[in-house]
PDB file of all heavy atoms in Angstrom:
ATOM      1  N   VAL A   1      -8.870 -11.971 -15.916  1.00  0.00           N
ATOM      2  CA  VAL A   1     -10.238 -11.416 -15.854  1.00  0.00           C
ATOM      3  C   VAL A   1     -10.964 -11.682 -17.147  1.00  0.00           C
ATOM      4  O   VAL A   1     -10.426 -11.282 -18.220  1.00  0.00           O
ATOM      5  CB  VAL A   1     -10.223  -9.893 -15.548  1.00  0.00           C
ATOM      6  CG1 VAL A   1     -11.622  -9.320 -15.535  1.00  0.00           C
ATOM      7  CG2 VAL A   1      -9.550  -9.631 -14.169  1.00  0.00           C
ATOM      8  N   GLN A   2     -12.085 -12.365 -17.074  1.00  0.00           N
ATOM      9  CA  GLN A   2     -12.759 -12.818 -18.291  1.00  0.00           C
ATOM     10  C   GLN A   2     -13.856 -11.781 -18.671  1.00  0.00           C
ATOM     11  O   GLN A   2     -14.669 -11.366 -17.841  1.00  0.00           O
ATOM     12  CB  GLN A   2     -13.467 -14.167 -18.050  1.00  0.00           C
ATOM     13  CG  GLN A   2     -12.523 -15.259 -17.594  1.00  0.00           C
ATOM     14  CD  GLN A   2     -11.477 -15.624 -18.656  1.00  0.00           C
ATOM     15  OE1 GLN A   2     -11.716 -15.483 -19.780  1.00  0.00           O
ATOM     16  NE2 GLN A   2     -10.275 -15.990 -18.166  1.00  0.00           N
ATOM     17  N   GLY A   3     -13.775 -11.392 -19.919  1.00  0.00           N
ATOM     18  CA  GLY A   3     -14.774 -10.484 -20.403  1.00  0.00           C
ATOM     19  C   GLY A   3     -16.046 -11.186 -20.995  1.00  0.00           C
ATOM     20  O   GLY A   3     -17.020 -10.547 -21.291  1.00  0.00           O
ATOM     21  N   GLY A   4     -15.920 -12.473 -21.199  1.00  0.00           N
ATOM     22  CA  GLY A   4     -16.983 -13.292 -21.808  1.00  0.00           C
ATOM     23  C   GLY A   4     -16.384 -14.366 -22.667  1.00  0.00           C
ATOM     24  O   GLY A   4     -16.255 -15.489 -22.179  1.00  0.00           O
ATOM     25  N   ASN A   5     -15.971 -14.014 -23.842  1.00  0.00           N
ATOM     26  CA  ASN A   5     -15.377 -15.030 -24.726  1.00  0.00           C
ATOM     27  C   ASN A   5     -13.859 -14.874 -24.814  1.00  0.00           C
ATOM     28  O   ASN A   5     -13.226 -15.542 -25.618  1.00  0.00           O
ATOM     29  CB  ASN A   5     -16.004 -14.935 -26.117  1.00  0.00           C
ATOM     30  CG  ASN A   5     -15.792 -13.587 -26.722  1.00  0.00           C
ATOM     31  OD1 ASN A   5     -15.141 -12.673 -26.199  1.00  0.00           O
ATOM     32  ND2 ASN A   5     -16.350 -13.440 -27.923  1.00  0.00           N
ATOM     33  N   LYS A   6     -13.261 -13.989 -23.997  1.00  0.00           N
ATOM     34  CA  LYS A   6     -11.823 -13.837 -23.976  1.00  0.00           C
ATOM     35  C   LYS A   6     -11.423 -13.106 -22.675  1.00  0.00           C
ATOM     36  O   LYS A   6     -12.203 -12.494 -21.981  1.00  0.00           O
ATOM     37  CB  LYS A   6     -11.346 -13.030 -25.158  1.00  0.00           C
ATOM     38  CG  LYS A   6     -11.830 -11.604 -25.207  1.00  0.00           C
ATOM     39  CD  LYS A   6     -11.306 -10.842 -26.400  1.00  0.00           C
ATOM     40  CE  LYS A   6     -11.746  -9.403 -26.370  1.00  0.00           C
ATOM     41  NZ  LYS A   6     -11.260  -8.658 -27.570  1.00  0.00           N
ATOM     42  N   ALA A   7     -10.103 -13.236 -22.387  1.00  0.00           N
ATOM     43  CA  ALA A   7      -9.592 -12.494 -21.243  1.00  0.00           C
ATOM     44  C   ALA A   7      -9.328 -11.065 -21.598  1.00  0.00           C
ATOM     45  O   ALA A   7      -8.903 -10.767 -22.744  1.00  0.00           O
ATOM     46  CB  ALA A   7      -8.242 -13.186 -20.780  1.00  0.00           C
ATOM     47  N   VAL A   8      -9.570 -10.183 -20.639  1.00  0.00           N
ATOM     48  CA  VAL A   8      -9.350  -8.717 -20.853  1.00  0.00           C
ATOM     49  C   VAL A   8      -8.246  -8.146 -19.996  1.00  0.00           C
ATOM     50  O   VAL A   8      -7.945  -6.957 -20.127  1.00  0.00           O
ATOM     51  CB  VAL A   8     -10.659  -7.976 -20.637  1.00  0.00           C
ATOM     52  CG1 VAL A   8     -11.776  -8.388 -21.612  1.00  0.00           C
ATOM     53  CG2 VAL A   8     -11.140  -8.113 -19.197  1.00  0.00           C
ATOM     54  N   GLY A   9      -7.646  -8.937 -19.144  1.00  0.00           N
ATOM     55  CA  GLY A   9      -6.588  -8.454 -18.312  1.00  0.00           C
ATOM     56  C   GLY A   9      -6.377  -9.351 -17.124  1.00  0.00           C
ATOM     57  O   GLY A   9      -6.852 -10.498 -17.111  1.00  0.00           O
ATOM     58  N   TYR A  10      -5.528  -8.922 -16.175  1.00  0.00           N
ATOM     59  CA  TYR A  10      -5.344  -9.636 -14.931  1.00  0.00           C
ATOM     60  C   TYR A  10      -5.953  -8.850 -13.767  1.00  0.00           C
ATOM     61  O   TYR A  10      -6.058  -7.634 -13.796  1.00  0.00           O
ATOM     62  CB  TYR A  10      -3.889  -9.826 -14.585  1.00  0.00           C
ATOM     63  CG  TYR A  10      -3.172 -10.785 -15.609  1.00  0.00           C
ATOM     64  CD1 TYR A  10      -2.331 -10.285 -16.587  1.00  0.00           C
ATOM     65  CD2 TYR A  10      -3.328 -12.169 -15.482  1.00  0.00           C
ATOM     66  CE1 TYR A  10      -1.663 -11.159 -17.491  1.00  0.00           C
ATOM     67  CE2 TYR A  10      -2.689 -13.043 -16.328  1.00  0.00           C
ATOM     68  CZ  TYR A  10      -1.854 -12.529 -17.300  1.00  0.00           C
ATOM     69  OH  TYR A  10      -1.220 -13.423 -18.147  1.00  0.00           O
ATOM     70  N   GLY A  11      -6.352  -9.533 -12.680  1.00  0.00           N
ATOM     71  CA  GLY A  11      -6.822  -8.856 -11.509  1.00  0.00           C
ATOM     72  C   GLY A  11      -5.681  -8.096 -10.822  1.00  0.00           C
ATOM     73  O   GLY A  11      -4.502  -8.558 -10.883  1.00  0.00           O
ATOM     74  N   SER A  12      -5.991  -7.087 -10.126  1.00  0.00           N
ATOM     75  CA  SER A  12      -4.962  -6.284  -9.451  1.00  0.00           C
ATOM     76  C   SER A  12      -4.516  -6.913  -8.189  1.00  0.00           C
ATOM     77  O   SER A  12      -5.252  -7.698  -7.543  1.00  0.00           O
ATOM     78  CB  SER A  12      -5.538  -4.849  -9.168  1.00  0.00           C
ATOM     79  OG  SER A  12      -5.829  -4.162 -10.326  1.00  0.00           O
ATOM     80  N   LEU A  13      -3.264  -6.583  -7.768  1.00  0.00           N
ATOM     81  CA  LEU A  13      -2.606  -7.246  -6.613  1.00  0.00           C
ATOM     82  C   LEU A  13      -2.125  -6.233  -5.623  1.00  0.00           C
ATOM     83  O   LEU A  13      -1.856  -5.094  -5.971  1.00  0.00           O
ATOM     84  CB  LEU A  13      -1.445  -8.128  -7.062  1.00  0.00           C
ATOM     85  CG  LEU A  13      -1.859  -9.362  -7.919  1.00  0.00           C
ATOM     86  CD1 LEU A  13      -0.565 -10.079  -8.349  1.00  0.00           C
ATOM     87  CD2 LEU A  13      -2.748 -10.285  -7.184  1.00  0.00           C
ATOM     88  N   LEU A  14      -1.898  -6.713  -4.385  1.00  0.00           N
ATOM     89  CA  LEU A  14      -1.090  -6.025  -3.394  1.00  0.00           C
ATOM     90  C   LEU A  14       0.188  -6.758  -3.191  1.00  0.00           C
ATOM     91  O   LEU A  14       0.223  -7.980  -3.332  1.00  0.00           O
ATOM     92  CB  LEU A  14      -1.884  -5.981  -2.041  1.00  0.00           C
ATOM     93  CG  LEU A  14      -3.210  -5.246  -1.987  1.00  0.00           C
ATOM     94  CD1 LEU A  14      -3.851  -5.442  -0.640  1.00  0.00           C
ATOM     95  CD2 LEU A  14      -3.021  -3.729  -2.272  1.00  0.00           C
ATOM     96  N   LYS A  15       1.280  -6.114  -2.818  1.00  0.00           N
ATOM     97  CA  LYS A  15       2.467  -6.757  -2.425  1.00  0.00           C
ATOM     98  C   LYS A  15       2.163  -7.420  -1.077  1.00  0.00           C
ATOM     99  O   LYS A  15       1.335  -7.007  -0.311  1.00  0.00           O
ATOM    100  CB  LYS A  15       3.579  -5.768  -2.279  1.00  0.00           C
ATOM    101  CG  LYS A  15       4.012  -5.148  -3.661  1.00  0.00           C
ATOM    102  CD  LYS A  15       5.198  -4.211  -3.485  1.00  0.00           C
ATOM    103  CE  LYS A  15       5.573  -3.648  -4.909  1.00  0.00           C
ATOM    104  NZ  LYS A  15       6.732  -2.719  -4.790  1.00  0.00           N
ATOM    105  N   ASP A  16       2.931  -8.521  -0.819  1.00  0.00           N
ATOM    106  CA  ASP A  16       2.637  -9.311   0.361  1.00  0.00           C
ATOM    107  C   ASP A  16       2.750  -8.456   1.663  1.00  0.00           C
ATOM    108  O   ASP A  16       1.903  -8.651   2.586  1.00  0.00           O
ATOM    109  CB  ASP A  16       3.591 -10.547   0.466  1.00  0.00           C
ATOM    110  CG  ASP A  16       3.261 -11.558  -0.612  1.00  0.00           C
ATOM    111  OD1 ASP A  16       2.179 -11.431  -1.244  1.00  0.00           O
ATOM    112  OD2 ASP A  16       4.055 -12.525  -0.722  1.00  0.00           O
ATOM    113  N   ASN A  17       3.715  -7.587   1.741  1.00  0.00           N
ATOM    114  CA  ASN A  17       3.788  -6.782   2.964  1.00  0.00           C
ATOM    115  C   ASN A  17       2.619  -5.850   3.147  1.00  0.00           C
ATOM    116  O   ASN A  17       2.112  -5.637   4.254  1.00  0.00           O
ATOM    117  CB  ASN A  17       5.078  -5.924   2.903  1.00  0.00           C
ATOM    118  CG  ASN A  17       6.313  -6.734   3.230  1.00  0.00           C
ATOM    119  OD1 ASN A  17       6.243  -7.731   3.986  1.00  0.00           O
ATOM    120  ND2 ASN A  17       7.441  -6.424   2.663  1.00  0.00           N
ATOM    121  N   ALA A  18       2.124  -5.296   2.020  1.00  0.00           N
ATOM    122  CA  ALA A  18       0.954  -4.463   2.056  1.00  0.00           C
ATOM    123  C   ALA A  18      -0.279  -5.281   2.495  1.00  0.00           C
ATOM    124  O   ALA A  18      -1.091  -4.785   3.273  1.00  0.00           O
ATOM    125  CB  ALA A  18       0.706  -3.831   0.699  1.00  0.00           C
ATOM    126  N   ALA A  19      -0.403  -6.513   2.038  1.00  0.00           N
ATOM    127  CA  ALA A  19      -1.547  -7.356   2.439  1.00  0.00           C
ATOM    128  C   ALA A  19      -1.447  -7.662   3.886  1.00  0.00           C
ATOM    129  O   ALA A  19      -2.460  -7.679   4.619  1.00  0.00           O
ATOM    130  CB  ALA A  19      -1.514  -8.636   1.623  1.00  0.00           C
ATOM    131  N   LYS A  20      -0.228  -7.916   4.412  1.00  0.00           N
ATOM    132  CA  LYS A  20      -0.065  -8.173   5.858  1.00  0.00           C
ATOM    133  C   LYS A  20      -0.501  -6.961   6.636  1.00  0.00           C
ATOM    134  O   LYS A  20      -1.242  -7.062   7.640  1.00  0.00           O
ATOM    135  CB  LYS A  20       1.402  -8.422   6.106  1.00  0.00           C
ATOM    136  CG  LYS A  20       1.902  -8.370   7.526  1.00  0.00           C
ATOM    137  CD  LYS A  20       1.418  -9.503   8.424  1.00  0.00           C
ATOM    138  CE  LYS A  20       2.079  -9.452   9.745  1.00  0.00           C
ATOM    139  NZ  LYS A  20       1.523 -10.436  10.707  1.00  0.00           N
ATOM    140  N   GLN A  21      -0.094  -5.756   6.184  1.00  0.00           N
ATOM    141  CA  GLN A  21      -0.541  -4.490   6.885  1.00  0.00           C
ATOM    142  C   GLN A  21      -2.056  -4.386   6.843  1.00  0.00           C
ATOM    143  O   GLN A  21      -2.706  -3.970   7.787  1.00  0.00           O
ATOM    144  CB  GLN A  21       0.156  -3.304   6.257  1.00  0.00           C
ATOM    145  CG  GLN A  21       1.592  -3.199   6.594  1.00  0.00           C
ATOM    146  CD  GLN A  21       2.252  -2.016   5.935  1.00  0.00           C
ATOM    147  OE1 GLN A  21       2.103  -1.779   4.768  1.00  0.00           O
ATOM    148  NE2 GLN A  21       3.002  -1.247   6.688  1.00  0.00           N
ATOM    149  N   LEU A  22      -2.569  -4.636   5.666  1.00  0.00           N
ATOM    150  CA  LEU A  22      -4.005  -4.549   5.470  1.00  0.00           C
ATOM    151  C   LEU A  22      -4.785  -5.418   6.472  1.00  0.00           C
ATOM    152  O   LEU A  22      -5.682  -4.926   7.173  1.00  0.00           O
ATOM    153  CB  LEU A  22      -4.404  -4.954   4.011  1.00  0.00           C
ATOM    154  CG  LEU A  22      -5.843  -5.206   3.690  1.00  0.00           C
ATOM    155  CD1 LEU A  22      -6.657  -3.937   3.810  1.00  0.00           C
ATOM    156  CD2 LEU A  22      -5.969  -5.737   2.300  1.00  0.00           C
ATOM    157  N   PHE A  23      -4.475  -6.690   6.576  1.00  0.00           N
ATOM    158  CA  PHE A  23      -5.117  -7.597   7.408  1.00  0.00           C
ATOM    159  C   PHE A  23      -4.875  -7.286   8.909  1.00  0.00           C
ATOM    160  O   PHE A  23      -5.789  -7.346   9.720  1.00  0.00           O
ATOM    161  CB  PHE A  23      -4.776  -9.006   7.152  1.00  0.00           C
ATOM    162  CG  PHE A  23      -5.197  -9.464   5.756  1.00  0.00           C
ATOM    163  CD1 PHE A  23      -4.411 -10.428   5.032  1.00  0.00           C
ATOM    164  CD2 PHE A  23      -6.317  -8.972   5.113  1.00  0.00           C
ATOM    165  CE1 PHE A  23      -4.761 -10.839   3.747  1.00  0.00           C
ATOM    166  CE2 PHE A  23      -6.700  -9.389   3.858  1.00  0.00           C
ATOM    167  CZ  PHE A  23      -5.909 -10.317   3.163  1.00  0.00           C
ATOM    168  N   ASP A  24      -3.645  -6.944   9.244  1.00  0.00           N
ATOM    169  CA  ASP A  24      -3.331  -6.606  10.585  1.00  0.00           C
ATOM    170  C   ASP A  24      -4.219  -5.423  11.069  1.00  0.00           C
ATOM    171  O   ASP A  24      -4.728  -5.396  12.190  1.00  0.00           O
ATOM    172  CB  ASP A  24      -1.879  -6.277  10.783  1.00  0.00           C
ATOM    173  CG  ASP A  24      -0.984  -7.497  10.883  1.00  0.00           C
ATOM    174  OD1 ASP A  24      -1.475  -8.629  11.070  1.00  0.00           O
ATOM    175  OD2 ASP A  24       0.266  -7.309  10.786  1.00  0.00           O
ATOM    176  N   GLY A  25      -4.331  -4.418  10.227  1.00  0.00           N
ATOM    177  CA  GLY A  25      -5.055  -3.210  10.579  1.00  0.00           C
ATOM    178  C   GLY A  25      -6.566  -3.435  10.601  1.00  0.00           C
ATOM    179  O   GLY A  25      -7.251  -3.082  11.556  1.00  0.00           O
ATOM    180  N   ARG A  26      -7.005  -4.104   9.537  1.00  0.00           N
ATOM    181  CA  ARG A  26      -8.503  -4.194   9.369  1.00  0.00           C
ATOM    182  C   ARG A  26      -9.101  -5.205  10.322  1.00  0.00           C
ATOM    183  O   ARG A  26     -10.277  -5.107  10.635  1.00  0.00           O
ATOM    184  CB  ARG A  26      -8.782  -4.625   7.909  1.00  0.00           C
ATOM    185  CG  ARG A  26     -10.259  -4.482   7.552  1.00  0.00           C
ATOM    186  CD  ARG A  26     -10.627  -3.020   7.735  1.00  0.00           C
ATOM    187  NE  ARG A  26     -11.985  -2.762   7.290  1.00  0.00           N
ATOM    188  CZ  ARG A  26     -12.898  -2.033   8.015  1.00  0.00           C
ATOM    189  NH1 ARG A  26     -12.512  -1.540   9.146  1.00  0.00           N
ATOM    190  NH2 ARG A  26     -14.084  -1.815   7.571  1.00  0.00           N
ATOM    191  N   CYS A  27      -8.334  -6.134  10.825  1.00  0.00           N
ATOM    192  CA  CYS A  27      -8.905  -7.206  11.682  1.00  0.00           C
ATOM    193  C   CYS A  27      -8.794  -6.906  13.160  1.00  0.00           C
ATOM    194  O   CYS A  27      -9.019  -7.784  14.008  1.00  0.00           O
ATOM    195  CB  CYS A  27      -8.200  -8.561  11.349  1.00  0.00           C
ATOM    196  SG  CYS A  27      -8.577  -9.192   9.713  1.00  0.00           S
ATOM    197  N   THR A  28      -8.490  -5.617  13.520  1.00  0.00           N
ATOM    198  CA  THR A  28      -8.352  -5.343  14.929  1.00  0.00           C
ATOM    199  C   THR A  28      -9.673  -4.967  15.569  1.00  0.00           C
ATOM    200  O   THR A  28      -9.855  -5.053  16.768  1.00  0.00           O
ATOM    201  CB  THR A  28      -7.406  -4.126  15.072  1.00  0.00           C
ATOM    202  OG1 THR A  28      -7.851  -3.016  14.305  1.00  0.00           O
ATOM    203  CG2 THR A  28      -6.001  -4.528  14.669  1.00  0.00           C
ATOM    204  N   SER A  29     -10.660  -4.500  14.770  1.00  0.00           N
ATOM    205  CA  SER A  29     -11.963  -4.069  15.319  1.00  0.00           C
ATOM    206  C   SER A  29     -12.812  -5.250  15.738  1.00  0.00           C
ATOM    207  O   SER A  29     -12.791  -6.285  15.056  1.00  0.00           O
ATOM    208  CB  SER A  29     -12.710  -3.209  14.314  1.00  0.00           C
ATOM    209  OG  SER A  29     -11.965  -2.035  13.964  1.00  0.00           O
ATOM    210  N   GLY A  30     -13.539  -5.056  16.757  1.00  0.00           N
ATOM    211  CA  GLY A  30     -14.379  -6.178  17.246  1.00  0.00           C
ATOM    212  C   GLY A  30     -15.448  -6.673  16.277  1.00  0.00           C
ATOM    213  O   GLY A  30     -15.775  -7.828  16.274  1.00  0.00           O
ATOM    214  N   TYR A  31     -15.890  -5.797  15.420  1.00  0.00           N
ATOM    215  CA  TYR A  31     -17.007  -6.180  14.451  1.00  0.00           C
ATOM    216  C   TYR A  31     -16.430  -6.982  13.308  1.00  0.00           C
ATOM    217  O   TYR A  31     -17.258  -7.578  12.570  1.00  0.00           O
ATOM    218  CB  TYR A  31     -17.615  -4.878  13.873  1.00  0.00           C
ATOM    219  CG  TYR A  31     -16.707  -4.219  12.860  1.00  0.00           C
ATOM    220  CD1 TYR A  31     -16.850  -4.521  11.554  1.00  0.00           C
ATOM    221  CD2 TYR A  31     -15.752  -3.340  13.263  1.00  0.00           C
ATOM    222  CE1 TYR A  31     -16.018  -3.976  10.584  1.00  0.00           C
ATOM    223  CE2 TYR A  31     -14.916  -2.773  12.355  1.00  0.00           C
ATOM    224  CZ  TYR A  31     -15.013  -3.040  11.054  1.00  0.00           C
ATOM    225  OH  TYR A  31     -14.175  -2.472  10.137  1.00  0.00           O
ATOM    226  N   SER A  32     -15.113  -7.063  13.110  1.00  0.00           N
ATOM    227  CA  SER A  32     -14.604  -7.578  11.847  1.00  0.00           C
ATOM    228  C   SER A  32     -14.345  -9.067  11.818  1.00  0.00           C
ATOM    229  O   SER A  32     -13.903  -9.597  10.802  1.00  0.00           O
ATOM    230  CB  SER A  32     -13.277  -6.828  11.507  1.00  0.00           C
ATOM    231  OG  SER A  32     -12.300  -7.128  12.491  1.00  0.00           O
ATOM    232  N   GLY A  33     -14.645  -9.755  12.914  1.00  0.00           N
ATOM    233  CA  GLY A  33     -14.301 -11.202  12.974  1.00  0.00           C
ATOM    234  C   GLY A  33     -14.806 -12.057  11.829  1.00  0.00           C
ATOM    235  O   GLY A  33     -14.149 -13.002  11.376  1.00  0.00           O
ATOM    236  N   GLY A  34     -16.017 -11.701  11.346  1.00  0.00           N
ATOM    237  CA  GLY A  34     -16.590 -12.517  10.238  1.00  0.00           C
ATOM    238  C   GLY A  34     -16.167 -12.143   8.871  1.00  0.00           C
ATOM    239  O   GLY A  34     -16.533 -12.807   7.928  1.00  0.00           O
ATOM    240  N   PHE A  35     -15.359 -11.084   8.733  1.00  0.00           N
ATOM    241  CA  PHE A  35     -14.991 -10.640   7.385  1.00  0.00           C
ATOM    242  C   PHE A  35     -14.068 -11.652   6.682  1.00  0.00           C
ATOM    243  O   PHE A  35     -13.089 -12.071   7.280  1.00  0.00           O
ATOM    244  CB  PHE A  35     -14.278  -9.300   7.414  1.00  0.00           C
ATOM    245  CG  PHE A  35     -15.171  -8.097   7.715  1.00  0.00           C
ATOM    246  CD1 PHE A  35     -16.532  -8.263   7.918  1.00  0.00           C
ATOM    247  CD2 PHE A  35     -14.645  -6.856   7.764  1.00  0.00           C
ATOM    248  CE1 PHE A  35     -17.343  -7.184   8.176  1.00  0.00           C
ATOM    249  CE2 PHE A  35     -15.429  -5.729   8.009  1.00  0.00           C
ATOM    250  CZ  PHE A  35     -16.790  -5.874   8.229  1.00  0.00           C
ATOM    251  N   ALA A  36     -14.399 -12.031   5.485  1.00  0.00           N
ATOM    252  CA  ALA A  36     -13.533 -12.925   4.717  1.00  0.00           C
ATOM    253  C   ALA A  36     -12.325 -12.141   4.195  1.00  0.00           C
ATOM    254  O   ALA A  36     -12.453 -11.063   3.609  1.00  0.00           O
ATOM    255  CB  ALA A  36     -14.344 -13.488   3.534  1.00  0.00           C
ATOM    256  N   LEU A  37     -11.190 -12.691   4.366  1.00  0.00           N
ATOM    257  CA  LEU A  37      -9.864 -12.021   4.027  1.00  0.00           C
ATOM    258  C   LEU A  37      -9.858 -11.709   2.523  1.00  0.00           C
ATOM    259  O   LEU A  37      -9.374 -10.679   2.117  1.00  0.00           O
ATOM    260  CB  LEU A  37      -8.653 -12.811   4.478  1.00  0.00           C
ATOM    261  CG  LEU A  37      -8.577 -13.037   5.997  1.00  0.00           C
ATOM    262  CD1 LEU A  37      -7.353 -13.947   6.257  1.00  0.00           C
ATOM    263  CD2 LEU A  37      -8.415 -11.735   6.764  1.00  0.00           C
ATOM    264  N   TYR A  38     -10.268 -12.689   1.706  1.00  0.00           N
ATOM    265  CA  TYR A  38     -10.191 -12.477   0.307  1.00  0.00           C
ATOM    266  C   TYR A  38     -11.040 -11.352  -0.209  1.00  0.00           C
ATOM    267  O   TYR A  38     -10.739 -10.632  -1.180  1.00  0.00           O
ATOM    268  CB  TYR A  38     -10.523 -13.754  -0.481  1.00  0.00           C
ATOM    269  CG  TYR A  38     -11.987 -14.060  -0.624  1.00  0.00           C
ATOM    270  CD1 TYR A  38     -12.719 -13.613  -1.708  1.00  0.00           C
ATOM    271  CD2 TYR A  38     -12.635 -14.841   0.327  1.00  0.00           C
ATOM    272  CE1 TYR A  38     -14.095 -13.891  -1.809  1.00  0.00           C
ATOM    273  CE2 TYR A  38     -14.003 -15.127   0.214  1.00  0.00           C
ATOM    274  CZ  TYR A  38     -14.727 -14.630  -0.891  1.00  0.00           C
ATOM    275  OH  TYR A  38     -16.047 -14.941  -1.022  1.00  0.00           O
ATOM    276  N   LYS A  39     -12.114 -11.013   0.499  1.00  0.00           N
ATOM    277  CA  LYS A  39     -12.969  -9.885   0.157  1.00  0.00           C
ATOM    278  C   LYS A  39     -12.242  -8.576   0.437  1.00  0.00           C
ATOM    279  O   LYS A  39     -12.272  -7.651  -0.373  1.00  0.00           O
ATOM    280  CB  LYS A  39     -14.296  -9.981   0.897  1.00  0.00           C
ATOM    281  CG  LYS A  39     -15.219 -11.059   0.409  1.00  0.00           C
ATOM    282  CD  LYS A  39     -16.471 -11.057   1.264  1.00  0.00           C
ATOM    283  CE  LYS A  39     -17.522 -12.038   0.667  1.00  0.00           C
ATOM    284  NZ  LYS A  39     -18.279 -11.443  -0.434  1.00  0.00           N
ATOM    285  N   ILE A  40     -11.635  -8.501   1.586  1.00  0.00           N
ATOM    286  CA  ILE A  40     -10.875  -7.325   1.954  1.00  0.00           C
ATOM    287  C   ILE A  40      -9.759  -7.091   0.943  1.00  0.00           C
ATOM    288  O   ILE A  40      -9.547  -5.959   0.429  1.00  0.00           O
ATOM    289  CB  ILE A  40     -10.297  -7.432   3.347  1.00  0.00           C
ATOM    290  CG1 ILE A  40     -11.434  -7.611   4.400  1.00  0.00           C
ATOM    291  CG2 ILE A  40      -9.434  -6.243   3.716  1.00  0.00           C
ATOM    292  CD1 ILE A  40     -10.915  -7.873   5.795  1.00  0.00           C
ATOM    293  N   TYR A  41      -9.039  -8.125   0.599  1.00  0.00           N
ATOM    294  CA  TYR A  41      -7.914  -7.991  -0.348  1.00  0.00           C
ATOM    295  C   TYR A  41      -8.373  -7.586  -1.725  1.00  0.00           C
ATOM    296  O   TYR A  41      -7.792  -6.641  -2.287  1.00  0.00           O
ATOM    297  CB  TYR A  41      -7.223  -9.377  -0.355  1.00  0.00           C
ATOM    298  CG  TYR A  41      -5.968  -9.422  -1.240  1.00  0.00           C
ATOM    299  CD1 TYR A  41      -4.690  -9.537  -0.657  1.00  0.00           C
ATOM    300  CD2 TYR A  41      -5.989  -9.339  -2.637  1.00  0.00           C
ATOM    301  CE1 TYR A  41      -3.510  -9.555  -1.428  1.00  0.00           C
ATOM    302  CE2 TYR A  41      -4.822  -9.390  -3.406  1.00  0.00           C
ATOM    303  CZ  TYR A  41      -3.626  -9.501  -2.810  1.00  0.00           C
ATOM    304  OH  TYR A  41      -2.502  -9.535  -3.546  1.00  0.00           O
ATOM    305  N   GLY A  42      -9.365  -8.272  -2.254  1.00  0.00           N
ATOM    306  CA  GLY A  42      -9.812  -7.957  -3.608  1.00  0.00           C
ATOM    307  C   GLY A  42     -10.302  -6.494  -3.763  1.00  0.00           C
ATOM    308  O   GLY A  42      -9.938  -5.859  -4.818  1.00  0.00           O
ATOM    309  N   ALA A  43     -10.952  -5.950  -2.797  1.00  0.00           N
ATOM    310  CA  ALA A  43     -11.401  -4.609  -2.856  1.00  0.00           C
ATOM    311  C   ALA A  43     -10.257  -3.620  -2.769  1.00  0.00           C
ATOM    312  O   ALA A  43     -10.176  -2.630  -3.522  1.00  0.00           O
ATOM    313  CB  ALA A  43     -12.412  -4.329  -1.779  1.00  0.00           C
ATOM    314  N   ALA A  44      -9.318  -3.909  -1.889  1.00  0.00           N
ATOM    315  CA  ALA A  44      -8.152  -3.024  -1.706  1.00  0.00           C
ATOM    316  C   ALA A  44      -7.325  -2.948  -3.008  1.00  0.00           C
ATOM    317  O   ALA A  44      -6.951  -1.905  -3.479  1.00  0.00           O
ATOM    318  CB  ALA A  44      -7.335  -3.462  -0.597  1.00  0.00           C
TER     319      ALA A  44
END
């Protein structure tokens, strides 16, 4: 993660199983078809 002229840390992560659960659950609703997966992941 860039603060400007230097790095200030790393972005946060989910474990792969948690990401699988996240997408399986979030992508079940009819309205969610257009949601970008990377957006869901980054916010979680």
